[in-house]
N, C-alpha and C. Protein backbone atom coordinates (compact mmCIF):
# COMPACT_ATOMS: atom_id res chain seq x y z
N MET A 1 107.48 95.07 111.19
CA MET A 1 107.25 96.23 110.35
C MET A 1 106.24 95.86 109.27
N LEU A 2 105.40 96.82 108.93
CA LEU A 2 104.39 96.59 107.91
C LEU A 2 104.99 96.76 106.52
N ASP A 3 104.53 95.94 105.59
CA ASP A 3 105.04 95.96 104.22
C ASP A 3 104.19 96.91 103.36
N THR A 4 104.39 98.21 103.59
CA THR A 4 103.69 99.24 102.82
C THR A 4 104.72 100.25 102.33
N ASN A 5 104.27 101.17 101.48
CA ASN A 5 105.13 102.26 101.02
C ASN A 5 104.93 103.52 101.86
N LEU A 6 104.20 103.40 102.94
CA LEU A 6 103.99 104.53 103.84
C LEU A 6 105.18 104.66 104.79
N LYS A 7 105.32 105.83 105.39
CA LYS A 7 106.33 106.00 106.41
C LYS A 7 105.85 105.25 107.65
N HIS A 8 106.74 104.44 108.22
CA HIS A 8 106.39 103.59 109.35
C HIS A 8 106.69 104.28 110.68
N ILE A 9 105.83 104.02 111.64
CA ILE A 9 106.09 104.40 113.03
C ILE A 9 106.41 103.10 113.75
N THR A 10 107.64 103.00 114.26
CA THR A 10 108.08 101.74 114.86
C THR A 10 108.36 101.82 116.36
N ASN A 11 108.31 103.05 116.91
CA ASN A 11 108.57 103.18 118.34
C ASN A 11 107.87 104.43 118.88
N ASP A 12 107.85 104.57 120.19
CA ASP A 12 107.14 105.68 120.83
C ASP A 12 107.70 107.04 120.42
N SER A 13 109.00 107.12 120.24
CA SER A 13 109.64 108.38 119.85
C SER A 13 109.17 108.83 118.46
N GLU A 14 109.10 107.89 117.53
CA GLU A 14 108.62 108.21 116.18
C GLU A 14 107.14 108.62 116.21
N TYR A 15 106.37 108.00 117.07
CA TYR A 15 104.96 108.37 117.22
C TYR A 15 104.85 109.81 117.71
N GLN A 16 105.59 110.14 118.77
CA GLN A 16 105.55 111.50 119.31
C GLN A 16 106.06 112.52 118.29
N ASP A 17 107.13 112.16 117.56
CA ASP A 17 107.68 113.06 116.54
C ASP A 17 106.67 113.32 115.43
N ALA A 18 105.98 112.27 114.99
CA ALA A 18 104.99 112.43 113.92
C ALA A 18 103.91 113.43 114.33
N LEU A 19 103.47 113.35 115.57
CA LEU A 19 102.42 114.26 116.05
C LEU A 19 102.97 115.65 116.31
N ALA A 20 104.19 115.75 116.79
CA ALA A 20 104.76 117.06 117.15
C ALA A 20 105.22 117.84 115.91
N LYS A 21 105.66 117.14 114.89
CA LYS A 21 106.26 117.82 113.73
C LYS A 21 105.31 118.01 112.55
N ASN A 22 104.09 117.51 112.67
CA ASN A 22 103.11 117.61 111.58
C ASN A 22 101.78 118.11 112.13
N GLU A 23 101.23 119.11 111.49
CA GLU A 23 99.94 119.64 111.93
C GLU A 23 98.82 118.62 111.72
N ASN A 24 98.84 117.94 110.57
CA ASN A 24 97.79 117.00 110.20
C ASN A 24 98.41 115.62 110.00
N VAL A 25 97.89 114.63 110.72
CA VAL A 25 98.45 113.28 110.65
C VAL A 25 97.31 112.27 110.56
N MET A 26 97.48 111.31 109.65
CA MET A 26 96.59 110.16 109.56
C MET A 26 97.42 108.92 109.85
N ILE A 27 97.04 108.17 110.88
CA ILE A 27 97.77 106.96 111.25
C ILE A 27 96.85 105.76 111.11
N CYS A 28 97.32 104.77 110.37
CA CYS A 28 96.59 103.51 110.24
C CYS A 28 97.33 102.47 111.06
N CYS A 29 96.68 101.98 112.10
CA CYS A 29 97.24 100.99 113.01
C CYS A 29 96.62 99.64 112.66
N GLY A 30 97.44 98.75 112.10
CA GLY A 30 96.87 97.48 111.67
C GLY A 30 97.89 96.39 111.45
N ARG A 31 97.48 95.42 110.64
CA ARG A 31 98.30 94.26 110.28
C ARG A 31 98.32 94.16 108.76
N MET A 32 99.07 93.20 108.25
CA MET A 32 99.05 92.95 106.81
C MET A 32 97.97 91.90 106.54
N GLY A 33 96.73 92.33 106.66
CA GLY A 33 95.60 91.43 106.48
C GLY A 33 94.57 92.03 105.55
N PRO A 34 93.52 91.28 105.25
CA PRO A 34 92.53 91.69 104.24
C PRO A 34 91.72 92.93 104.59
N MET A 35 91.61 93.27 105.86
CA MET A 35 90.87 94.47 106.22
C MET A 35 91.76 95.71 106.20
N CYS A 36 93.06 95.51 106.39
CA CYS A 36 94.00 96.64 106.51
C CYS A 36 94.64 97.01 105.18
N ILE A 37 95.01 96.03 104.38
CA ILE A 37 95.73 96.30 103.14
C ILE A 37 95.00 97.29 102.24
N PRO A 38 93.67 97.17 102.07
CA PRO A 38 92.99 98.16 101.24
C PRO A 38 93.11 99.59 101.78
N VAL A 39 93.15 99.75 103.07
CA VAL A 39 93.29 101.08 103.67
C VAL A 39 94.70 101.61 103.42
N TYR A 40 95.71 100.76 103.55
CA TYR A 40 97.08 101.19 103.23
C TYR A 40 97.16 101.62 101.77
N ASP A 41 96.53 100.86 100.88
CA ASP A 41 96.54 101.20 99.45
C ASP A 41 95.89 102.56 99.20
N VAL A 42 94.77 102.82 99.86
CA VAL A 42 94.09 104.11 99.73
C VAL A 42 95.01 105.22 100.21
N MET A 43 95.65 105.02 101.34
CA MET A 43 96.55 106.04 101.89
C MET A 43 97.70 106.31 100.93
N GLU A 44 98.30 105.25 100.38
CA GLU A 44 99.40 105.42 99.43
C GLU A 44 98.93 106.21 98.21
N ASN A 45 97.72 105.93 97.75
CA ASN A 45 97.15 106.61 96.59
C ASN A 45 96.86 108.07 96.86
N LEU A 46 96.43 108.39 98.06
CA LEU A 46 96.03 109.76 98.40
C LEU A 46 97.18 110.63 98.90
N GLU A 47 98.29 110.02 99.27
CA GLU A 47 99.40 110.75 99.88
C GLU A 47 99.83 111.96 99.06
N GLY A 48 99.98 111.80 97.77
CA GLY A 48 100.40 112.91 96.90
C GLY A 48 99.32 113.97 96.71
N LYS A 49 98.08 113.62 96.94
CA LYS A 49 96.97 114.56 96.76
C LYS A 49 96.71 115.40 98.00
N TYR A 50 97.29 115.02 99.11
CA TYR A 50 97.13 115.74 100.38
C TYR A 50 98.52 116.03 100.97
N PRO A 51 99.25 116.97 100.37
CA PRO A 51 100.62 117.24 100.82
C PRO A 51 100.72 117.80 102.24
N LYS A 52 99.62 118.31 102.78
CA LYS A 52 99.65 118.86 104.13
C LYS A 52 99.28 117.84 105.20
N VAL A 53 99.15 116.57 104.77
CA VAL A 53 98.82 115.49 105.71
C VAL A 53 99.97 114.50 105.74
N ALA A 54 100.41 114.14 106.93
CA ALA A 54 101.43 113.10 107.10
C ALA A 54 100.72 111.76 107.23
N PHE A 55 100.92 110.89 106.27
CA PHE A 55 100.32 109.56 106.27
C PHE A 55 101.32 108.58 106.87
N ARG A 56 100.88 107.84 107.90
CA ARG A 56 101.78 106.92 108.60
C ARG A 56 101.07 105.59 108.87
N ASP A 57 101.85 104.53 108.93
CA ASP A 57 101.31 103.25 109.41
C ASP A 57 102.00 102.88 110.70
N LEU A 58 101.36 102.00 111.44
CA LEU A 58 101.84 101.62 112.76
C LEU A 58 101.37 100.19 113.02
N PRO A 59 102.28 99.28 113.41
CA PRO A 59 101.88 97.88 113.61
C PRO A 59 101.04 97.68 114.88
N PHE A 60 99.89 97.11 114.69
CA PHE A 60 98.93 96.90 115.78
C PHE A 60 99.49 96.01 116.88
N ASP A 61 100.21 94.95 116.52
CA ASP A 61 100.63 93.94 117.49
C ASP A 61 101.96 94.22 118.17
N GLU A 62 102.60 95.31 117.84
CA GLU A 62 103.85 95.65 118.50
C GLU A 62 103.58 96.66 119.61
N ALA A 63 104.55 96.83 120.50
CA ALA A 63 104.37 97.71 121.66
C ALA A 63 103.93 99.12 121.26
N VAL A 64 104.45 99.63 120.16
CA VAL A 64 104.10 100.98 119.71
C VAL A 64 102.60 101.10 119.40
N GLY A 65 101.97 99.99 119.09
CA GLY A 65 100.53 99.99 118.81
C GLY A 65 99.69 100.45 119.98
N MET A 66 100.24 100.34 121.19
CA MET A 66 99.50 100.80 122.38
C MET A 66 99.19 102.29 122.30
N ASN A 67 100.00 103.06 121.61
CA ASN A 67 99.74 104.50 121.48
C ASN A 67 98.38 104.76 120.84
N ILE A 68 97.98 103.91 119.92
CA ILE A 68 96.67 104.03 119.27
C ILE A 68 95.62 103.24 120.02
N ARG A 69 95.95 102.01 120.39
CA ARG A 69 94.95 101.14 121.04
C ARG A 69 94.44 101.71 122.35
N ARG A 70 95.25 102.48 123.06
CA ARG A 70 94.83 103.01 124.37
C ARG A 70 94.06 104.33 124.27
N LEU A 71 93.94 104.90 123.08
CA LEU A 71 93.20 106.15 122.93
C LEU A 71 91.73 105.93 123.30
N PRO A 72 91.13 106.86 124.04
CA PRO A 72 89.72 106.71 124.40
C PRO A 72 88.82 106.57 123.16
N GLU A 73 89.19 107.22 122.08
CA GLU A 73 88.40 107.17 120.85
C GLU A 73 88.41 105.79 120.21
N CYS A 74 89.35 104.93 120.60
CA CYS A 74 89.47 103.59 120.02
C CYS A 74 89.03 102.48 120.95
N LYS A 75 88.64 102.81 122.16
CA LYS A 75 88.32 101.80 123.19
C LYS A 75 87.25 100.79 122.74
N SER A 76 86.26 101.25 121.98
CA SER A 76 85.17 100.35 121.60
C SER A 76 85.39 99.67 120.25
N PHE A 77 86.51 99.94 119.59
CA PHE A 77 86.76 99.37 118.27
C PHE A 77 87.00 97.86 118.38
N THR A 78 86.44 97.12 117.43
CA THR A 78 86.64 95.68 117.40
C THR A 78 87.24 95.21 116.08
N GLY A 79 87.22 96.04 115.05
CA GLY A 79 87.74 95.62 113.75
C GLY A 79 88.96 96.42 113.35
N LEU A 80 89.89 95.74 112.72
CA LEU A 80 91.10 96.40 112.21
C LEU A 80 90.85 96.89 110.79
N PRO A 81 91.59 97.93 110.40
CA PRO A 81 92.55 98.70 111.17
C PRO A 81 91.87 99.79 111.99
N PHE A 82 92.63 100.32 112.93
CA PHE A 82 92.22 101.51 113.65
C PHE A 82 92.86 102.68 112.91
N VAL A 83 92.06 103.61 112.46
CA VAL A 83 92.60 104.76 111.73
C VAL A 83 92.27 106.01 112.54
N VAL A 84 93.32 106.77 112.85
CA VAL A 84 93.15 107.94 113.70
C VAL A 84 93.71 109.16 112.98
N TYR A 85 92.94 110.22 113.00
CA TYR A 85 93.30 111.49 112.37
C TYR A 85 93.60 112.50 113.48
N PHE A 86 94.77 113.12 113.40
CA PHE A 86 95.22 114.07 114.41
C PHE A 86 95.40 115.45 113.80
N LYS A 87 95.00 116.46 114.52
CA LYS A 87 95.26 117.86 114.15
C LYS A 87 95.95 118.49 115.34
N ASN A 88 97.16 119.00 115.10
CA ASN A 88 97.95 119.61 116.18
C ASN A 88 98.08 118.68 117.38
N GLY A 89 98.29 117.39 117.10
CA GLY A 89 98.52 116.41 118.17
C GLY A 89 97.29 115.90 118.87
N LYS A 90 96.12 116.38 118.49
CA LYS A 90 94.87 115.97 119.14
C LYS A 90 94.01 115.16 118.16
N VAL A 91 93.35 114.13 118.67
CA VAL A 91 92.48 113.31 117.84
C VAL A 91 91.28 114.13 117.40
N VAL A 92 91.04 114.13 116.08
CA VAL A 92 89.86 114.82 115.55
C VAL A 92 88.86 113.84 114.93
N LYS A 93 89.32 112.60 114.70
CA LYS A 93 88.44 111.58 114.14
C LYS A 93 89.13 110.23 114.30
N ALA A 94 88.36 109.20 114.53
CA ALA A 94 88.89 107.84 114.61
C ALA A 94 87.86 106.89 114.02
N THR A 95 88.34 105.94 113.22
CA THR A 95 87.46 104.96 112.60
C THR A 95 88.10 103.58 112.71
N SER A 96 87.30 102.56 112.47
CA SER A 96 87.85 101.21 112.45
C SER A 96 87.24 100.44 111.30
N SER A 97 87.92 99.35 110.96
CA SER A 97 87.52 98.43 109.90
C SER A 97 87.86 99.00 108.52
N ILE A 98 87.62 98.18 107.53
CA ILE A 98 87.97 98.52 106.15
C ILE A 98 87.24 99.79 105.72
N GLN A 99 87.94 100.60 104.93
CA GLN A 99 87.36 101.84 104.41
C GLN A 99 87.74 102.00 102.94
N THR A 100 86.84 102.59 102.19
CA THR A 100 87.08 102.82 100.77
C THR A 100 87.74 104.18 100.56
N LYS A 101 88.23 104.38 99.37
CA LYS A 101 88.85 105.67 99.03
C LYS A 101 87.85 106.82 99.22
N PRO A 102 86.60 106.71 98.76
CA PRO A 102 85.65 107.81 98.99
C PRO A 102 85.41 108.08 100.49
N GLN A 103 85.37 107.04 101.29
CA GLN A 103 85.16 107.24 102.74
C GLN A 103 86.35 107.98 103.36
N VAL A 104 87.57 107.57 103.01
CA VAL A 104 88.76 108.22 103.55
C VAL A 104 88.86 109.65 103.05
N THR A 105 88.59 109.86 101.77
CA THR A 105 88.65 111.21 101.19
C THR A 105 87.65 112.14 101.88
N THR A 106 86.46 111.65 102.14
CA THR A 106 85.45 112.45 102.84
C THR A 106 85.96 112.88 104.21
N ILE A 107 86.57 111.96 104.93
CA ILE A 107 87.09 112.29 106.27
C ILE A 107 88.25 113.28 106.15
N LEU A 108 89.18 113.05 105.24
CA LEU A 108 90.30 113.96 105.07
C LEU A 108 89.81 115.37 104.76
N ASP A 109 88.85 115.49 103.87
CA ASP A 109 88.31 116.81 103.50
C ASP A 109 87.58 117.45 104.67
N GLU A 110 86.97 116.64 105.52
CA GLU A 110 86.22 117.15 106.67
C GLU A 110 87.16 117.64 107.77
N VAL A 111 88.16 116.84 108.10
CA VAL A 111 89.01 117.18 109.26
C VAL A 111 90.25 118.00 108.90
N PHE A 112 90.66 117.97 107.63
CA PHE A 112 91.81 118.75 107.18
C PHE A 112 91.43 119.57 105.95
N PRO A 113 90.56 120.57 106.11
CA PRO A 113 90.12 121.34 104.95
C PRO A 113 91.33 121.98 104.24
N LYS A 114 91.21 122.01 102.93
CA LYS A 114 92.32 122.56 102.12
C LYS A 114 92.35 124.06 102.15
């Protein structure tokens, strides 16, 4: 399990529930490493500012990570974390590697207009 204050996805059922029960979902699939921790921090900071978005983390190296790693949008990614934005259960954006708060905010505003 990842050591963040985000809601964790630890199994396939939780992954499916997150997508089925939330219109807008941002999932960060990563590890507790230098490229991922800043993204988790950004997500924790933005969570209260985007109440219509479900912010979730998911461990890259566990079986549940295959839900993100096998997405066609992530096939060419080489850097962690893999961050995937879903609208109504469908991928609307996917990014990889470290991201800043302005970069994440720009994507959130683009794919989940207020």
